[in-house]
Amino acid sequence: MKKRIIKFIPKNEYVPSYAPKPEPAWKNIPVWWKNQEAYPYGKEPIDGVVKQTVKKCPGLQDLLFTGYTLKFPCDVYVDTTGDEIIYEALEIHKQSFSIHIKEQIDKWDFDRKEFMDSAFRIHPMWVISTSPGTSTLFIQPPYTENLPFKTIPAIIDTDTYVSDGPFSVLIKRNFKGIIKQGTPLVQCIPYLREEWNSEILEKPEIKTFKTLGAVIKSNFTNSYKKLLWHKKVFK
């Protein structure tokens, strides 16, 4: 299989000395996930099933472990206790932050009781370039609802456009404090662009369902991970 490359390019020559370097997403698993018990009743089967929690779900693990994490380049003080976003950063780092005008998102029906009307912009000071034929999906780091912001998702064709723009986030209202350097900002998931066609079937594929059901139930635990799952690698 051909190995594809994602490059993280520093915005200027000073960036590598202070801004947290991009990392594989698996190095930035949320603390609550690390603390989650995997087998609440032990590993013995109960009624033919070993009881597990979300920590053993391969689908959620894949989402957490896929791609790369970009982080806040430095400390920033944010105050949203009033009608406008107030922020402070040291003069040398002010280039990393800005605010969108309200009109940019005034028709978007997000929860304005929870979030400020304007979008806050953060430049992690690393720009992204990928192999030909690939794009990058940018999303909120999964399962980080405790953060005072919500990253606005987007897709960029990073093979032809080296992604040099700040990331926009919605800031929660009534937050007042410092968002620390190194706080996860965005998860970057590169993918190969391909053309897809859809098919809508009129009847269920009973044989497929029954076969999969037998496969999944052939082990007490982790059948999907053991028998059907494919490893994804991000270095």
Protein backbone atom coordinates (compact mmCIF):
# COMPACT_ATOMS: atom_id res chain seq x y z
CA MET A 1 0.00 0.00 0.00
CA LYS A 2 1.33 3.40 -0.97
CA LYS A 3 2.26 5.56 2.01
CA ARG A 4 0.87 9.06 1.84
CA ILE A 5 2.45 12.10 3.45
CA ILE A 6 1.02 14.94 5.50
CA LYS A 7 3.44 17.80 6.11
CA PHE A 8 3.15 20.27 8.98
CA ILE A 9 5.02 23.41 7.98
CA PRO A 10 5.89 26.11 10.56
CA LYS A 11 4.43 29.53 9.82
CA ASN A 12 7.79 31.15 10.50
CA GLU A 13 11.24 30.16 11.75
CA TYR A 14 10.30 30.78 15.41
CA VAL A 15 7.32 28.45 15.54
CA PRO A 16 9.18 25.16 16.29
CA SER A 17 10.74 26.73 19.38
CA TYR A 18 7.45 27.50 21.15
CA ALA A 19 4.29 26.20 19.44
CA PRO A 20 3.29 22.63 20.37
CA LYS A 21 4.15 20.34 17.49
CA PRO A 22 1.34 18.47 15.70
CA GLU A 23 0.92 14.94 17.02
CA PRO A 24 -0.93 11.75 16.03
CA ALA A 25 -4.41 11.94 17.55
CA TRP A 26 -3.84 8.80 19.62
CA LYS A 27 -1.38 10.78 21.75
CA ASN A 28 -4.17 13.18 22.79
CA ILE A 29 -6.91 10.92 24.13
CA PRO A 30 -9.33 12.77 26.49
CA VAL A 31 -8.60 12.21 30.18
CA TRP A 32 -12.10 10.87 30.86
CA TRP A 33 -11.56 8.16 28.21
CA LYS A 34 -8.29 7.09 29.86
CA ASN A 35 -10.08 6.88 33.21
CA GLN A 36 -13.09 4.97 31.88
CA GLU A 37 -13.36 1.39 33.19
CA ALA A 38 -13.45 -1.07 30.25
CA TYR A 39 -14.98 -4.09 32.03
CA PRO A 40 -17.34 -2.91 34.79
CA TYR A 41 -18.25 -6.49 35.84
CA GLY A 42 -14.96 -8.21 35.07
CA LYS A 43 -14.03 -10.26 32.00
CA GLU A 44 -16.26 -13.28 32.72
CA PRO A 45 -19.26 -13.64 30.34
CA ILE A 46 -22.74 -12.86 31.69
CA ASP A 47 -25.57 -14.41 29.66
CA GLY A 48 -23.04 -15.17 26.92
CA VAL A 49 -21.64 -11.65 26.74
CA VAL A 50 -18.70 -9.93 28.42
CA LYS A 51 -20.07 -6.57 29.57
CA GLN A 52 -18.00 -3.67 28.24
CA THR A 53 -18.12 0.12 28.20
CA VAL A 54 -17.53 2.65 25.42
CA LYS A 55 -13.80 2.29 26.04
CA LYS A 56 -13.83 -1.02 24.15
CA CYS A 57 -15.90 0.24 21.20
CA PRO A 58 -13.69 -0.02 18.07
CA GLY A 59 -15.77 2.61 16.25
CA LEU A 60 -15.17 5.22 18.94
CA GLN A 61 -11.53 4.20 19.26
CA ASP A 62 -11.01 4.67 15.53
CA LEU A 63 -12.45 8.18 15.69
CA LEU A 64 -10.23 9.09 18.65
CA PHE A 65 -7.11 7.58 17.11
CA THR A 66 -7.52 8.79 13.51
CA GLY A 67 -5.53 11.72 12.14
CA TYR A 68 -3.49 14.37 13.90
CA THR A 69 -4.02 16.99 16.58
CA LEU A 70 -3.19 20.69 16.32
CA LYS A 71 -3.09 22.70 19.54
CA PHE A 72 -3.27 26.26 20.84
CA PRO A 73 0.15 27.81 20.13
CA CYS A 74 0.26 29.88 23.31
CA ASP A 75 -1.81 31.01 26.29
CA VAL A 76 -4.78 33.25 25.53
CA TYR A 77 -7.09 34.97 27.99
CA VAL A 78 -10.75 34.98 26.94
CA ASP A 79 -13.73 36.75 28.54
CA THR A 80 -17.25 36.13 27.22
CA THR A 81 -19.19 37.35 30.25
CA GLY A 82 -20.33 40.40 28.26
CA ASP A 83 -21.81 40.93 24.80
CA GLU A 84 -18.49 40.75 22.95
CA ILE A 85 -15.52 38.38 22.97
CA ILE A 86 -12.62 39.97 24.82
CA TYR A 87 -9.23 38.32 24.50
CA GLU A 88 -5.64 39.05 25.44
CA ALA A 89 -2.37 37.55 24.26
CA LEU A 90 1.20 38.75 24.51
CA GLU A 91 2.02 41.19 21.70
CA ILE A 92 4.36 38.80 19.92
CA HIS A 93 1.57 36.19 19.68
CA LYS A 94 -1.39 38.40 18.74
CA GLN A 95 -1.01 37.28 15.11
CA SER A 96 -2.41 33.92 16.22
CA PHE A 97 -5.84 35.30 17.17
CA SER A 98 -8.67 37.33 15.66
CA ILE A 99 -12.48 37.58 15.59
CA HIS A 100 -14.87 37.13 12.66
CA ILE A 101 -17.48 39.82 12.17
CA LYS A 102 -20.92 38.65 13.36
CA GLU A 103 -22.36 38.91 9.86
CA GLN A 104 -20.21 35.99 8.69
CA ILE A 105 -22.42 33.52 10.59
CA ASP A 106 -25.56 35.53 11.39
CA LYS A 107 -27.85 33.09 9.52
CA TRP A 108 -26.40 29.97 11.15
CA ASP A 109 -28.89 28.53 13.64
CA PHE A 110 -26.43 27.35 16.30
CA ASP A 111 -27.40 27.73 19.96
CA ARG A 112 -26.79 31.40 20.63
CA LYS A 113 -27.73 30.97 24.28
CA GLU A 114 -24.73 28.66 24.68
CA PHE A 115 -22.27 30.32 22.29
CA MET A 116 -21.24 33.89 21.46
CA ASP A 117 -22.54 35.39 18.20
CA SER A 118 -19.08 35.94 16.70
CA ALA A 119 -16.53 33.27 15.80
CA PHE A 120 -13.10 33.35 17.43
CA ARG A 121 -10.13 32.48 15.21
CA ILE A 122 -6.93 30.69 16.25
CA HIS A 123 -3.91 30.00 14.08
CA PRO A 124 -1.93 27.02 15.45
CA MET A 125 1.08 28.37 13.50
CA TRP A 126 1.49 25.09 11.62
CA VAL A 127 0.18 24.83 8.05
CA ILE A 128 -0.74 21.61 6.30
CA SER A 129 0.22 20.09 2.96
CA THR A 130 -0.77 16.58 1.82
CA SER A 131 0.02 14.12 -0.98
CA PRO A 132 -1.63 14.58 -4.41
CA GLY A 133 -5.26 13.47 -4.54
CA THR A 134 -5.91 14.02 -0.83
CA SER A 135 -7.92 16.45 1.26
CA THR A 136 -8.10 17.05 5.00
CA LEU A 137 -11.16 17.04 7.24
CA PHE A 138 -10.84 19.38 10.24
CA ILE A 139 -13.09 18.66 13.24
CA GLN A 140 -13.44 19.33 16.95
CA PRO A 141 -11.28 16.88 18.90
CA PRO A 142 -13.89 14.17 19.65
CA TYR A 143 -15.52 13.87 23.08
CA THR A 144 -14.08 17.11 24.47
CA GLU A 145 -17.34 18.81 25.43
CA ASN A 146 -15.66 20.19 28.58
CA LEU A 147 -13.66 22.67 26.49
CA PRO A 148 -14.93 26.30 26.44
CA PHE A 149 -15.17 26.28 22.64
CA LYS A 150 -16.47 24.26 19.70
CA THR A 151 -14.34 24.04 16.57
CA ILE A 152 -16.17 24.77 13.32
CA PRO A 153 -15.57 21.80 10.97
CA ALA A 154 -14.34 22.16 7.39
CA ILE A 155 -12.67 20.32 4.50
CA ILE A 156 -9.70 21.72 2.57
CA ASP A 157 -7.99 20.27 -0.51
CA THR A 158 -4.61 20.43 1.19
CA ASP A 159 -2.77 18.93 -1.78
CA THR A 160 -3.39 22.02 -3.91
CA TYR A 161 -3.94 24.62 -1.18
CA VAL A 162 -1.49 24.61 1.69
CA SER A 163 -3.89 25.31 4.55
CA ASP A 164 -2.65 28.61 5.92
CA GLY A 165 -5.79 29.99 7.53
CA PRO A 166 -6.76 30.18 11.20
CA PHE A 167 -9.37 27.77 12.53
CA SER A 168 -12.67 29.25 13.66
CA VAL A 169 -14.38 28.24 16.89
CA LEU A 170 -17.56 29.14 18.71
CA ILE A 171 -16.81 30.30 22.25
CA LYS A 172 -19.15 29.40 25.09
CA ARG A 173 -20.84 32.28 26.88
CA ASN A 174 -19.91 33.26 30.43
CA PHE A 175 -16.40 31.87 30.15
CA LYS A 176 -13.62 33.87 31.77
CA GLY A 177 -10.16 32.44 31.97
CA ILE A 178 -7.02 31.30 30.21
CA ILE A 179 -7.07 28.71 27.46
CA LYS A 180 -3.66 27.17 27.96
CA GLN A 181 -0.96 26.58 25.38
CA GLY A 182 -1.25 22.98 24.19
CA THR A 183 -5.04 22.73 24.52
CA PRO A 184 -6.27 20.50 21.63
CA LEU A 185 -7.79 22.76 18.97
CA VAL A 186 -8.58 20.62 15.94
CA GLN A 187 -8.28 17.04 14.72
CA CYS A 188 -6.95 16.78 11.16
CA ILE A 189 -8.03 13.70 9.18
CA PRO A 190 -6.41 13.37 5.74
CA TYR A 191 -8.25 11.21 3.21
CA LEU A 192 -8.05 10.15 -0.42
CA ARG A 193 -10.54 11.87 -2.72
CA GLU A 194 -12.62 9.34 -4.65
CA GLU A 195 -15.86 9.36 -6.62
CA TRP A 196 -18.73 7.46 -5.01
CA ASN A 197 -22.07 6.22 -6.36
CA SER A 198 -24.98 5.40 -4.06
CA GLU A 199 -27.39 2.45 -4.25
CA ILE A 200 -30.74 2.31 -2.45
CA LEU A 201 -31.88 -1.30 -2.10
CA GLU A 202 -35.54 -2.31 -1.98
CA LYS A 203 -34.98 -5.45 0.13
CA PRO A 204 -32.71 -6.30 3.06
CA GLU A 205 -29.77 -8.62 2.45
CA ILE A 206 -30.87 -11.28 4.94
CA LYS A 207 -27.94 -13.61 4.30
CA THR A 208 -25.45 -10.81 4.94
CA PHE A 209 -27.14 -9.83 8.21
CA LYS A 210 -27.33 -13.42 9.45
CA THR A 211 -23.73 -14.16 8.49
CA LEU A 212 -22.45 -11.05 10.26
CA GLY A 213 -24.58 -11.87 13.30
CA ALA A 214 -23.02 -15.33 13.52
CA VAL A 215 -19.52 -13.89 13.13
CA ILE A 216 -20.00 -11.19 15.78
CA LYS A 217 -21.41 -13.72 18.26
CA SER A 218 -18.70 -16.31 17.66
CA ASN A 219 -16.52 -14.74 20.40
CA PHE A 220 -17.55 -13.63 23.86
CA THR A 221 -15.88 -10.26 23.34
CA ASN A 222 -14.25 -7.99 20.73
CA SER A 223 -15.42 -10.03 17.68
CA TYR A 224 -15.51 -7.03 15.38
CA LYS A 225 -12.01 -5.94 16.42
CA LYS A 226 -10.62 -9.48 16.11
CA LEU A 227 -12.31 -10.60 12.89
CA LEU A 228 -13.56 -7.64 10.81
CA TRP A 229 -11.63 -4.51 11.76
CA HIS A 230 -8.75 -3.01 9.74
CA LYS A 231 -5.82 -1.26 11.37
CA LYS A 232 -5.30 2.44 10.63
CA VAL A 233 -1.82 3.94 10.98
CA PHE A 234 -0.92 7.58 11.67
CA LYS A 235 2.69 8.41 12.50
